[in-house]
């Protein structure tokens, strides 16, 4: 791509993972950028994040270019290079795809370059640092300042659920007129999977985030302690968890998978458990629904906003193990009802492809002049 000859109106900024083992914000950034680059010249800028790996020179004037395809490239830049790049390109819109502290520079440059800024909030960082993570005071202070900038001065703030917006509002004063709720999408391979296997016993999936203490392990242990019927639990995580087979319960552990592996893994599964005490929107839950798994989610998870209770899934209160067990037992004993609900679940998310989700963002790009 010749950046000098062709003006690029929309610049993406955040963190671009070239692999396919992606966390939620990384998957969102990669999928939206890739959708945009199908028809338009696209550039994604990121910083030299790992302080142990890169030198001070890299962090100030470093420049690395990765060509994704004929229409798109990813630039890893030092801070001074980011400034020079924004001044040279002068984009109309900068889309900050996830929370990163280096993006504060983009707000300061707005004074001179007059670009519009879109920010995707995948969760309130101040809340996560306070409740879910162990973060040093200095880093918490830096994060608080950066998040304040992002929420205060962005021209458009995108939350992936009402839950995410309400949590952010408890920590920051947010102009709701600038906000919009746009849920995430799922890869096409999940929609295309065909479920032809009828299981003799229920097979449940739970994905555990090893980086955040979201309370799902404690909730799961509470459920396992009371189950008295045959059932399988498949835990997907890179964390070391000491949960073993018990009575009629069979436990299986799987490492994190890319989308293609996960779509194949879902083919013979029945139930997806979203047991977190907090989650703004789980792409994994949406992918499971798209694959024909029935979702049981806590009311505190943003993805529960997609559930019509007892129609295309079940909502439960966090730590209400008895309710989860009741639902699991009911589905285990009534295959006909289980299949009906699973079909309803799939039908309810058919429009949540990344292609369709991107259309919402393209409308915002066009509106910001």
Protein backbone atom coordinates (compact mmCIF):
# COMPACT_ATOMS: atom_id res chain seq x y z
CA UNK A 1 0.00 0.00 0.00
CA UNK A 2 1.33 3.42 -0.92
CA UNK A 3 0.29 5.66 1.97
CA UNK A 4 1.68 8.77 0.34
CA UNK A 5 -0.45 8.49 -2.81
CA UNK A 6 -3.75 7.42 -1.29
CA UNK A 7 -5.41 9.22 1.60
CA UNK A 8 -6.74 6.99 4.38
CA UNK A 9 -9.78 8.50 6.10
CA UNK A 10 -10.25 5.97 8.91
CA UNK A 11 -7.32 4.95 11.10
CA UNK A 12 -7.62 2.18 13.69
CA UNK A 13 -5.62 2.29 16.93
CA UNK A 14 -5.26 -0.21 19.74
CA UNK A 15 -3.69 -3.66 19.87
CA UNK A 16 -3.56 -5.96 16.85
CA UNK A 17 -2.83 -9.63 17.50
CA UNK A 18 -1.61 -11.36 14.36
CA UNK A 19 -2.45 -14.80 15.79
CA UNK A 20 -5.85 -16.40 16.34
CA UNK A 21 -5.77 -17.14 20.07
CA UNK A 22 -7.55 -13.90 20.84
CA UNK A 23 -9.16 -12.33 23.87
CA UNK A 24 -12.46 -10.51 23.29
CA UNK A 25 -11.10 -6.99 22.61
CA UNK A 26 -8.37 -8.40 20.33
CA UNK A 27 -10.88 -10.41 18.32
CA UNK A 28 -13.16 -7.39 17.98
CA UNK A 29 -10.29 -5.17 16.81
CA UNK A 30 -9.07 -7.71 14.27
CA UNK A 31 -12.51 -8.57 12.87
CA UNK A 32 -13.73 -4.97 12.48
CA UNK A 33 -10.43 -3.89 10.92
CA UNK A 34 -10.55 -6.82 8.51
CA UNK A 35 -14.15 -6.03 7.52
CA UNK A 36 -13.24 -2.40 6.89
CA UNK A 37 -10.23 -3.36 4.76
CA UNK A 38 -12.35 -5.47 2.39
CA UNK A 39 -13.40 -2.32 0.53
CA UNK A 40 -11.14 0.46 1.81
CA UNK A 41 -7.45 1.11 2.31
CA UNK A 42 -6.89 0.55 6.02
CA UNK A 43 -4.14 1.18 8.57
CA UNK A 44 -3.99 -0.07 12.14
CA UNK A 45 -1.50 1.58 14.50
CA UNK A 46 -0.26 0.14 17.76
CA UNK A 47 2.53 0.76 20.27
CA UNK A 48 5.59 -1.25 21.38
CA UNK A 49 3.79 -2.64 24.44
CA UNK A 50 6.22 -5.05 26.07
CA UNK A 51 8.66 -2.91 28.05
CA UNK A 52 11.02 -5.84 28.67
CA UNK A 53 11.25 -6.71 24.99
CA UNK A 54 11.66 -3.28 23.40
CA UNK A 55 14.19 -0.50 24.00
CA UNK A 56 13.57 3.16 24.79
CA UNK A 57 14.54 3.92 21.20
CA UNK A 58 11.78 1.59 19.96
CA UNK A 59 9.26 3.20 22.29
CA UNK A 60 10.12 6.67 20.99
CA UNK A 61 10.98 6.35 17.30
CA UNK A 62 10.46 2.68 16.51
CA UNK A 63 8.70 1.77 13.25
CA UNK A 64 7.65 -1.71 12.11
CA UNK A 65 5.28 -2.46 9.27
CA UNK A 66 3.27 -5.63 8.72
CA UNK A 67 1.26 -6.03 5.52
CA UNK A 68 -1.95 -7.95 6.18
CA UNK A 69 -3.24 -7.92 2.59
CA UNK A 70 -3.21 -5.63 -0.45
CA UNK A 71 -5.66 -3.31 1.29
CA UNK A 72 -4.38 -3.19 4.87
CA UNK A 73 -1.30 -2.94 7.04
CA UNK A 74 -0.42 -2.76 10.72
CA UNK A 75 2.12 -0.21 11.95
CA UNK A 76 3.85 -0.64 15.29
CA UNK A 77 5.17 2.81 16.19
CA UNK A 78 7.01 4.62 18.94
CA UNK A 79 5.34 7.65 20.54
CA UNK A 80 7.10 10.26 18.38
CA UNK A 81 6.39 8.22 15.26
CA UNK A 82 2.68 8.11 16.18
CA UNK A 83 2.64 11.90 16.42
CA UNK A 84 4.37 12.32 13.06
CA UNK A 85 2.11 9.72 11.45
CA UNK A 86 -1.12 11.41 12.59
CA UNK A 87 0.18 14.80 11.43
CA UNK A 88 1.13 13.42 8.03
CA UNK A 89 -1.96 11.30 7.33
CA UNK A 90 -4.52 13.59 9.03
CA UNK A 91 -7.31 11.01 9.17
CA UNK A 92 -10.93 12.11 9.38
CA UNK A 93 -11.70 9.48 12.04
CA UNK A 94 -9.54 7.53 14.48
CA UNK A 95 -11.24 4.39 15.80
CA UNK A 96 -9.71 3.33 19.12
CA UNK A 97 -10.72 -0.30 19.27
CA UNK A 98 -9.86 -1.00 22.92
CA UNK A 99 -8.37 0.58 26.02
CA UNK A 100 -4.68 1.37 25.62
CA UNK A 101 -2.88 4.18 27.46
CA UNK A 102 -0.84 5.31 24.45
CA UNK A 103 -4.03 6.46 22.70
CA UNK A 104 -4.16 9.56 24.94
CA UNK A 105 -1.69 11.07 22.45
CA UNK A 106 -4.37 10.85 19.77
CA UNK A 107 -6.62 13.07 21.87
CA UNK A 108 -3.91 15.68 22.31
CA UNK A 109 -3.28 15.72 18.55
CA UNK A 110 -6.98 16.30 17.94
CA UNK A 111 -6.42 19.96 18.84
CA UNK A 112 -4.25 20.37 15.75
CA UNK A 113 -5.55 17.74 13.32
CA UNK A 114 -9.29 17.98 14.11
CA UNK A 115 -10.02 14.28 13.66
CA UNK A 116 -13.04 12.62 15.24
CA UNK A 117 -12.52 9.80 17.73
CA UNK A 118 -14.54 6.62 18.30
CA UNK A 119 -13.74 4.58 21.40
CA UNK A 120 -14.87 1.02 22.14
CA UNK A 121 -15.25 0.31 25.85
CA UNK A 122 -15.09 -3.45 26.43
CA UNK A 123 -15.33 -2.97 30.17
CA UNK A 124 -14.65 -0.33 32.79
CA UNK A 125 -10.91 -0.51 33.48
CA UNK A 126 -11.27 1.35 36.77
CA UNK A 127 -13.81 -1.23 37.93
CA UNK A 128 -11.67 -4.17 36.81
CA UNK A 129 -8.57 -2.78 38.52
CA UNK A 130 -10.50 -2.21 41.74
CA UNK A 131 -12.51 -5.42 41.91
CA UNK A 132 -10.99 -8.05 39.62
CA UNK A 133 -7.25 -7.43 39.27
CA UNK A 134 -4.26 -6.84 41.49
CA UNK A 135 -2.73 -3.68 40.01
CA UNK A 136 -0.02 -1.45 41.48
CA UNK A 137 -1.20 2.01 42.55
CA UNK A 138 0.88 3.83 39.92
CA UNK A 139 -0.58 1.75 37.09
CA UNK A 140 -4.08 2.21 38.46
CA UNK A 141 -3.54 5.98 38.44
CA UNK A 142 -2.28 5.90 34.83
CA UNK A 143 -5.24 3.76 33.78
CA UNK A 144 -7.72 6.07 35.53
CA UNK A 145 -6.35 9.13 33.73
CA UNK A 146 -6.29 7.41 30.35
CA UNK A 147 -9.83 6.05 30.74
CA UNK A 148 -11.08 9.48 31.80
CA UNK A 149 -9.63 10.94 28.58
CA UNK A 150 -11.23 8.22 26.47
CA UNK A 151 -14.68 8.62 27.99
CA UNK A 152 -14.57 12.42 28.29
CA UNK A 153 -13.25 13.47 24.90
CA UNK A 154 -14.27 10.77 22.43
CA UNK A 155 -16.84 11.90 19.89
CA UNK A 156 -18.55 8.52 20.02
CA UNK A 157 -18.33 5.87 22.75
CA UNK A 158 -19.41 2.36 21.89
CA UNK A 159 -20.42 -0.06 24.63
CA UNK A 160 -21.18 -3.69 23.82
CA UNK A 161 -24.02 -3.90 26.34
CA UNK A 162 -26.22 -1.82 28.63
CA UNK A 163 -24.44 -3.55 31.51
CA UNK A 164 -21.08 -2.18 30.38
CA UNK A 165 -22.40 1.36 30.08
CA UNK A 166 -24.07 1.32 33.50
CA UNK A 167 -20.91 0.09 35.23
CA UNK A 168 -18.83 2.83 33.58
CA UNK A 169 -21.38 5.43 34.69
CA UNK A 170 -20.80 4.48 38.33
CA UNK A 171 -17.16 5.60 38.00
CA UNK A 172 -17.25 8.37 35.37
CA UNK A 173 -19.57 11.12 34.26
CA UNK A 174 -20.55 10.13 30.72
CA UNK A 175 -22.54 12.10 28.18
CA UNK A 176 -25.06 9.45 27.09
CA UNK A 177 -25.77 11.38 23.90
CA UNK A 178 -22.32 10.30 22.68
CA UNK A 179 -22.88 6.63 23.51
CA UNK A 180 -24.23 3.76 21.47
CA UNK A 181 -24.79 0.08 22.26
CA UNK A 182 -23.42 -2.28 19.59
CA UNK A 183 -22.98 -5.95 20.55
CA UNK A 184 -20.14 -8.04 19.20
CA UNK A 185 -20.31 -10.55 16.37
CA UNK A 186 -19.35 -14.16 15.74
CA UNK A 187 -17.26 -15.72 12.98
CA UNK A 188 -19.12 -17.32 10.07
CA UNK A 189 -17.77 -20.79 10.89
CA UNK A 190 -19.88 -20.91 14.05
CA UNK A 191 -23.10 -20.27 12.12
CA UNK A 192 -22.19 -22.85 9.51
CA UNK A 193 -21.63 -25.68 11.98
CA UNK A 194 -24.27 -28.42 11.79
CA UNK A 195 -25.18 -30.32 14.95
CA UNK A 196 -26.16 -33.88 14.13
CA UNK A 197 -25.02 -35.60 17.33
CA UNK A 198 -27.60 -36.52 19.98
CA UNK A 199 -25.89 -37.08 23.31
CA UNK A 200 -26.99 -39.66 25.86
CA UNK A 201 -25.89 -37.36 28.66
CA UNK A 202 -25.67 -33.60 28.78
CA UNK A 203 -22.35 -32.01 27.73
CA UNK A 204 -21.68 -28.57 29.20
CA UNK A 205 -18.96 -26.06 28.33
CA UNK A 206 -17.51 -23.34 30.54
CA UNK A 207 -14.68 -21.04 29.43
CA UNK A 208 -12.55 -19.75 32.31
CA UNK A 209 -10.58 -16.49 31.96
CA UNK A 210 -7.22 -17.12 33.58
CA UNK A 211 -6.35 -13.39 33.68
CA UNK A 212 -9.37 -12.10 35.62
CA UNK A 213 -10.92 -13.37 38.85
CA UNK A 214 -14.51 -13.34 37.62
CA UNK A 215 -15.91 -15.74 40.20
CA UNK A 216 -16.85 -18.45 37.71
CA UNK A 217 -14.69 -21.16 39.31
CA UNK A 218 -16.26 -20.66 42.75
CA UNK A 219 -19.75 -20.68 41.24
CA UNK A 220 -18.98 -23.84 39.25
CA UNK A 221 -17.65 -25.64 42.32
CA UNK A 222 -20.86 -24.76 44.15
CA UNK A 223 -22.88 -26.34 41.33
CA UNK A 224 -20.73 -29.48 41.10
CA UNK A 225 -21.07 -30.13 44.83
CA UNK A 226 -24.84 -30.67 44.50
CA UNK A 227 -25.32 -32.43 41.13
CA UNK A 228 -26.67 -35.97 41.49
CA UNK A 229 -27.17 -37.00 37.85
CA UNK A 230 -24.85 -38.02 35.02
CA UNK A 231 -23.33 -35.06 33.19
CA UNK A 232 -20.13 -33.91 31.49
CA UNK A 233 -18.36 -30.59 32.11
CA UNK A 234 -15.79 -29.36 29.60
CA UNK A 235 -13.63 -26.51 30.94
CA UNK A 236 -11.69 -24.43 28.40
CA UNK A 237 -8.86 -22.56 30.09
CA UNK A 238 -5.09 -22.21 30.34
CA UNK A 239 -5.37 -21.93 34.11
CA UNK A 240 -4.47 -24.81 36.43
CA UNK A 241 -7.73 -25.79 38.12
CA UNK A 242 -8.01 -28.63 40.62
CA UNK A 243 -11.50 -29.97 39.94
CA UNK A 244 -11.87 -33.73 39.55
CA UNK A 245 -14.51 -36.29 38.57
CA UNK A 246 -17.07 -36.69 41.31
CA UNK A 247 -19.87 -39.23 41.61
CA UNK A 248 -21.70 -39.05 38.28
CA UNK A 249 -19.83 -35.99 37.02
CA UNK A 250 -17.10 -36.33 34.41
CA UNK A 251 -14.64 -33.44 34.06
CA UNK A 252 -12.67 -32.62 30.89
CA UNK A 253 -10.07 -29.89 30.50
CA UNK A 254 -9.10 -28.20 27.23
CA UNK A 255 -6.56 -25.51 26.38
CA UNK A 256 -7.74 -22.30 24.74
CA UNK A 257 -8.63 -22.73 21.08
CA UNK A 258 -8.79 -20.57 17.98
CA UNK A 259 -12.15 -20.03 16.26
CA UNK A 260 -11.82 -22.93 13.85
CA UNK A 261 -10.91 -25.36 16.63
CA UNK A 262 -13.65 -24.02 18.90
CA UNK A 263 -16.36 -24.33 16.22
CA UNK A 264 -15.39 -27.98 15.74
CA UNK A 265 -15.26 -28.54 19.51
CA UNK A 266 -18.82 -27.21 19.92
CA UNK A 267 -20.31 -29.73 17.47
CA UNK A 268 -21.26 -32.32 20.09
CA UNK A 269 -21.87 -29.98 23.05
CA UNK A 270 -25.26 -28.95 24.49
CA UNK A 271 -24.96 -26.20 27.11
CA UNK A 272 -22.74 -23.15 27.53
CA UNK A 273 -22.37 -21.81 31.06
CA UNK A 274 -21.53 -18.13 31.55
CA UNK A 275 -21.04 -18.07 35.32
CA UNK A 276 -19.04 -14.85 35.74
CA UNK A 277 -19.93 -12.35 38.42
CA UNK A 278 -19.13 -9.62 35.88
CA UNK A 279 -18.87 -9.60 32.09
CA UNK A 280 -19.81 -6.74 29.76
CA UNK A 281 -20.24 -9.00 26.73
CA UNK A 282 -18.84 -12.46 26.09
CA UNK A 283 -17.99 -13.17 22.45
CA UNK A 284 -17.50 -16.81 23.47
CA UNK A 285 -21.13 -16.97 24.64
CA UNK A 286 -22.37 -15.55 21.34
CA UNK A 287 -20.22 -18.02 19.40
CA UNK A 288 -21.67 -20.86 21.47
CA UNK A 289 -25.24 -19.73 20.79
CA UNK A 290 -24.44 -19.46 17.07
CA UNK A 291 -23.18 -23.05 17.19
CA UNK A 292 -26.40 -24.37 18.70
CA UNK A 293 -25.49 -24.50 22.38
CA UNK A 294 -28.07 -23.39 24.91
CA UNK A 295 -26.80 -20.48 27.03
CA UNK A 296 -27.20 -20.26 30.78
CA UNK A 297 -25.87 -16.87 31.89
CA UNK A 298 -25.77 -14.79 35.03
CA UNK A 299 -27.87 -11.64 35.10
CA UNK A 300 -24.67 -9.64 35.64
CA UNK A 301 -23.26 -10.73 32.26
CA UNK A 302 -23.94 -8.33 29.40
CA UNK A 303 -24.72 -11.21 27.03
CA UNK A 304 -27.79 -11.98 29.19
CA UNK A 305 -29.41 -8.99 27.46
CA UNK A 306 -29.71 -11.23 24.40
CA UNK A 307 -31.61 -13.90 26.32
CA UNK A 308 -35.39 -14.13 26.45
CA UNK A 309 -35.63 -16.25 29.56
CA UNK A 310 -36.77 -19.84 28.96
CA UNK A 311 -37.19 -19.11 25.24
CA UNK A 312 -33.64 -18.99 23.82
CA UNK A 313 -31.69 -19.47 27.05
CA UNK A 314 -31.79 -19.03 30.80
CA UNK A 315 -30.85 -16.16 33.10
CA UNK A 316 -29.79 -16.93 36.65
CA UNK A 317 -28.59 -14.89 39.58
CA UNK A 318 -24.88 -15.13 40.28
CA UNK A 319 -24.23 -17.87 42.86
CA UNK A 320 -27.72 -19.37 42.51
CA UNK A 321 -26.41 -22.88 42.06
CA UNK A 322 -29.78 -24.50 42.75
CA UNK A 323 -31.33 -22.71 39.77
CA UNK A 324 -28.52 -23.81 37.43
CA UNK A 325 -28.83 -27.40 38.63
CA UNK A 326 -32.60 -27.31 38.12
CA UNK A 327 -32.16 -26.12 34.52
CA UNK A 328 -29.44 -28.68 33.78
CA UNK A 329 -31.52 -31.51 35.21
CA UNK A 330 -34.59 -30.40 33.25
CA UNK A 331 -32.62 -30.30 29.99
CA UNK A 332 -31.03 -33.66 30.78
CA UNK A 333 -34.45 -35.26 31.22
CA UNK A 334 -36.26 -33.51 28.37
CA UNK A 335 -34.29 -33.79 25.12
CA UNK A 336 -37.20 -32.53 23.06
CA UNK A 337 -37.38 -29.27 25.03
CA UNK A 338 -33.59 -28.94 24.95
CA UNK A 339 -33.52 -29.20 21.15
CA UNK A 340 -36.38 -26.71 20.82
CA UNK A 341 -34.58 -24.14 22.97
CA UNK A 342 -31.28 -24.72 21.16
CA UNK A 343 -32.97 -24.08 17.82
CA UNK A 344 -34.52 -20.90 19.20
CA UNK A 345 -31.09 -19.84 20.48
CA UNK A 346 -29.48 -20.24 17.05
CA UNK A 347 -32.31 -18.38 15.30
CA UNK A 348 -32.08 -15.46 17.73
CA UNK A 349 -28.44 -14.65 16.82
CA UNK A 350 -28.41 -15.23 13.06
CA UNK A 351 -27.82 -11.54 12.31
CA UNK A 352 -24.80 -11.21 14.62
CA UNK A 353 -22.13 -11.82 12.00
CA UNK A 354 -19.10 -9.52 11.95
CA UNK A 355 -20.18 -8.37 8.49
CA UNK A 356 -23.49 -7.12 9.89
CA UNK A 357 -21.91 -5.66 13.04
CA UNK A 358 -19.42 -3.73 10.90
CA UNK A 359 -22.31 -2.01 9.08
CA UNK A 360 -23.18 -0.24 12.34
CA UNK A 361 -19.64 1.11 12.57
CA UNK A 362 -19.54 2.17 8.95
CA UNK A 363 -22.67 4.26 9.56
CA UNK A 364 -20.87 5.98 12.43
CA UNK A 365 -17.78 6.61 10.29
CA UNK A 366 -19.95 8.26 7.65
CA UNK A 367 -21.82 10.38 10.22
CA UNK A 368 -18.70 11.88 11.80
CA UNK A 369 -17.78 14.83 9.64
